[in-house]
């Protein structure tokens, strides 16, 4: 294989040109091609872990007009009550409340989950979420070991 500067520029240019063509696709067609939510749809999210980082992240997500917080989950009743009030002030009302993240993952109306629990839970919750067909945003550190990281990569690849 000839890896010259010329071939690199040629291949890079072709790739960038291909990416540029995506601007010409109507967004609803491109969304279907990418197996994403369409332009007229809202993305329903569930929040797992309501303390500081989870709350700060979901506040940022709620600034996106096509995002709808559908459910929250925490094992701490005090956090649930506090955050329900805080989230209501941000316009997130009628939230479904779960104490077991697995029950939240069973909800077919939830498209994606935001995981902001203590890091020793991340691997299990992320792999369970992917197995349930959810898109996942997970707080750092994402894994505590190479074995956990490999399990998460495998689950991500398996989920498509």
Protein backbone atom coordinates (compact mmCIF):
# COMPACT_ATOMS: atom_id res chain seq x y z
CA UNK A 1 0.00 0.00 0.00
CA UNK A 2 1.38 3.40 -1.00
CA UNK A 3 0.92 5.82 1.88
CA UNK A 4 2.18 9.01 0.33
CA UNK A 5 1.19 12.51 1.27
CA UNK A 6 -0.69 12.72 -2.03
CA UNK A 7 -2.77 9.56 -1.35
CA UNK A 8 -3.51 10.76 2.19
CA UNK A 9 -4.79 14.12 0.92
CA UNK A 10 -6.80 12.44 -1.84
CA UNK A 11 -8.47 10.00 0.59
CA UNK A 12 -9.06 12.68 3.21
CA UNK A 13 -10.61 14.98 0.62
CA UNK A 14 -12.95 12.22 -0.56
CA UNK A 15 -14.03 11.55 3.01
CA UNK A 16 -14.64 15.22 3.75
CA UNK A 17 -16.54 15.64 0.49
CA UNK A 18 -18.76 12.71 1.43
CA UNK A 19 -19.45 14.26 4.80
CA UNK A 20 -20.23 17.56 3.11
CA UNK A 21 -22.87 15.91 0.91
CA UNK A 22 -24.87 15.06 4.00
CA UNK A 23 -25.95 18.72 4.10
CA UNK A 24 -28.02 18.10 0.96
CA UNK A 25 -30.09 15.29 2.48
CA UNK A 26 -33.38 16.37 4.06
CA UNK A 27 -32.94 15.90 7.80
CA UNK A 28 -35.79 13.40 8.13
CA UNK A 29 -34.26 11.15 5.45
CA UNK A 30 -30.82 11.37 7.00
CA UNK A 31 -32.29 10.60 10.43
CA UNK A 32 -33.91 7.45 9.09
CA UNK A 33 -30.68 6.47 7.37
CA UNK A 34 -28.79 6.85 10.63
CA UNK A 35 -31.52 5.16 12.71
CA UNK A 36 -31.97 8.36 14.68
CA UNK A 37 -34.93 10.31 15.93
CA UNK A 38 -36.56 12.34 13.16
CA UNK A 39 -36.63 16.11 12.95
CA UNK A 40 -40.17 16.35 14.32
CA UNK A 41 -39.65 13.94 17.20
CA UNK A 42 -38.62 14.60 20.76
CA UNK A 43 -35.96 12.53 22.44
CA UNK A 44 -37.29 11.15 25.72
CA UNK A 45 -34.58 10.71 28.29
CA UNK A 46 -34.35 9.11 31.69
CA UNK A 47 -31.94 10.28 34.38
CA UNK A 48 -30.31 7.66 36.60
CA UNK A 49 -28.64 9.35 39.56
CA UNK A 50 -30.01 12.68 40.76
CA UNK A 51 -27.23 14.22 42.79
CA UNK A 52 -25.04 17.10 41.67
CA UNK A 53 -23.50 15.84 38.43
CA UNK A 54 -26.67 14.17 37.20
CA UNK A 55 -28.74 17.25 37.95
CA UNK A 56 -26.23 19.57 36.28
CA UNK A 57 -26.11 17.36 33.19
CA UNK A 58 -29.86 17.08 32.86
CA UNK A 59 -30.20 20.87 33.21
CA UNK A 60 -27.92 21.18 30.18
CA UNK A 61 -29.91 18.53 28.27
CA UNK A 62 -33.17 20.37 29.02
CA UNK A 63 -31.85 23.45 27.21
CA UNK A 64 -32.12 21.45 23.99
CA UNK A 65 -35.61 22.04 22.64
CA UNK A 66 -36.14 18.50 21.33
CA UNK A 67 -35.24 16.80 24.61
CA UNK A 68 -37.92 15.73 27.04
CA UNK A 69 -37.09 14.42 30.51
CA UNK A 70 -39.55 11.58 30.99
CA UNK A 71 -38.24 9.76 34.06
CA UNK A 72 -35.86 10.01 36.99
CA UNK A 73 -34.31 7.30 39.12
CA UNK A 74 -32.49 7.32 42.44
CA UNK A 75 -32.47 5.13 45.52
CA UNK A 76 -32.55 8.17 47.83
CA UNK A 77 -36.08 9.50 48.53
CA UNK A 78 -34.66 12.81 49.72
CA UNK A 79 -32.90 13.33 46.38
CA UNK A 80 -36.03 12.34 44.46
CA UNK A 81 -38.20 14.86 46.29
CA UNK A 82 -35.63 17.64 46.06
CA UNK A 83 -34.91 17.14 42.38
CA UNK A 84 -38.57 16.75 41.41
CA UNK A 85 -39.13 20.28 42.73
CA UNK A 86 -35.96 21.60 41.07
CA UNK A 87 -36.86 19.98 37.75
CA UNK A 88 -40.44 21.28 37.90
CA UNK A 89 -38.98 24.80 38.03
CA UNK A 90 -37.16 23.97 34.80
CA UNK A 91 -40.39 22.82 33.14
CA UNK A 92 -39.96 19.07 33.63
CA UNK A 93 -43.30 18.03 35.12
CA UNK A 94 -45.20 14.76 35.46
CA UNK A 95 -41.99 12.79 35.74
CA UNK A 96 -42.08 9.05 36.16
CA UNK A 97 -40.12 8.15 39.28
CA UNK A 98 -38.15 4.95 39.74
CA UNK A 99 -36.01 3.62 42.56
CA UNK A 100 -34.68 0.71 40.47
CA UNK A 101 -32.88 1.69 37.27
CA UNK A 102 -33.86 -1.63 35.65
CA UNK A 103 -37.54 -0.63 35.83
CA UNK A 104 -36.70 2.67 34.13
CA UNK A 105 -34.92 0.76 31.36
CA UNK A 106 -38.06 -1.33 30.77
CA UNK A 107 -39.96 1.82 29.76
CA UNK A 108 -40.26 1.66 25.95
CA UNK A 109 -40.95 5.41 25.71
CA UNK A 110 -37.45 6.28 26.91
CA UNK A 111 -35.00 6.71 24.03
CA UNK A 112 -31.84 7.51 25.97
CA UNK A 113 -30.53 7.49 29.52
CA UNK A 114 -28.12 9.74 31.32
CA UNK A 115 -26.12 7.77 33.90
CA UNK A 116 -24.70 9.84 36.75
CA UNK A 117 -24.42 7.33 39.57
CA UNK A 118 -21.34 6.44 41.60
CA UNK A 119 -18.75 5.08 39.19
CA UNK A 120 -18.81 1.51 40.48
CA UNK A 121 -22.32 1.25 38.95
CA UNK A 122 -21.43 2.57 35.50
CA UNK A 123 -20.47 -0.70 33.81
CA UNK A 124 -23.57 -2.60 34.88
CA UNK A 125 -25.98 0.26 34.19
CA UNK A 126 -24.44 1.09 30.82
CA UNK A 127 -24.46 -2.50 29.58
CA UNK A 128 -28.02 -3.01 30.85
CA UNK A 129 -29.14 0.20 29.12
CA UNK A 130 -27.58 -0.85 25.82
CA UNK A 131 -29.18 -4.30 26.13
CA UNK A 132 -32.52 -2.53 26.61
CA UNK A 133 -31.99 -0.66 23.34
CA UNK A 134 -31.30 2.74 24.90
CA UNK A 135 -28.79 5.34 23.81
CA UNK A 136 -26.47 6.20 26.70
CA UNK A 137 -24.65 9.21 28.08
CA UNK A 138 -22.46 8.09 30.98
CA UNK A 139 -20.56 10.30 33.38
CA UNK A 140 -16.84 9.86 33.92
CA UNK A 141 -15.00 7.88 34.98
CA UNK A 142 -16.79 5.48 32.71
CA UNK A 143 -14.98 2.38 34.01
CA UNK A 144 -12.86 1.36 36.98
CA UNK A 145 -10.88 -1.36 35.24
CA UNK A 146 -9.79 -2.52 31.82
CA UNK A 147 -12.14 -5.50 32.14
CA UNK A 148 -15.12 -3.17 32.75
CA UNK A 149 -14.07 -0.97 29.84
CA UNK A 150 -13.84 -3.99 27.53
CA UNK A 151 -17.29 -5.18 28.63
CA UNK A 152 -18.68 -1.74 27.87
CA UNK A 153 -17.02 -1.59 24.45
CA UNK A 154 -18.35 -5.07 23.63
CA UNK A 155 -21.88 -4.08 24.71
CA UNK A 156 -21.67 -0.93 22.61
CA UNK A 157 -20.51 -2.82 19.53
CA UNK A 158 -23.17 -5.49 20.04
CA UNK A 159 -25.94 -2.88 20.33
CA UNK A 160 -25.00 -1.33 17.01
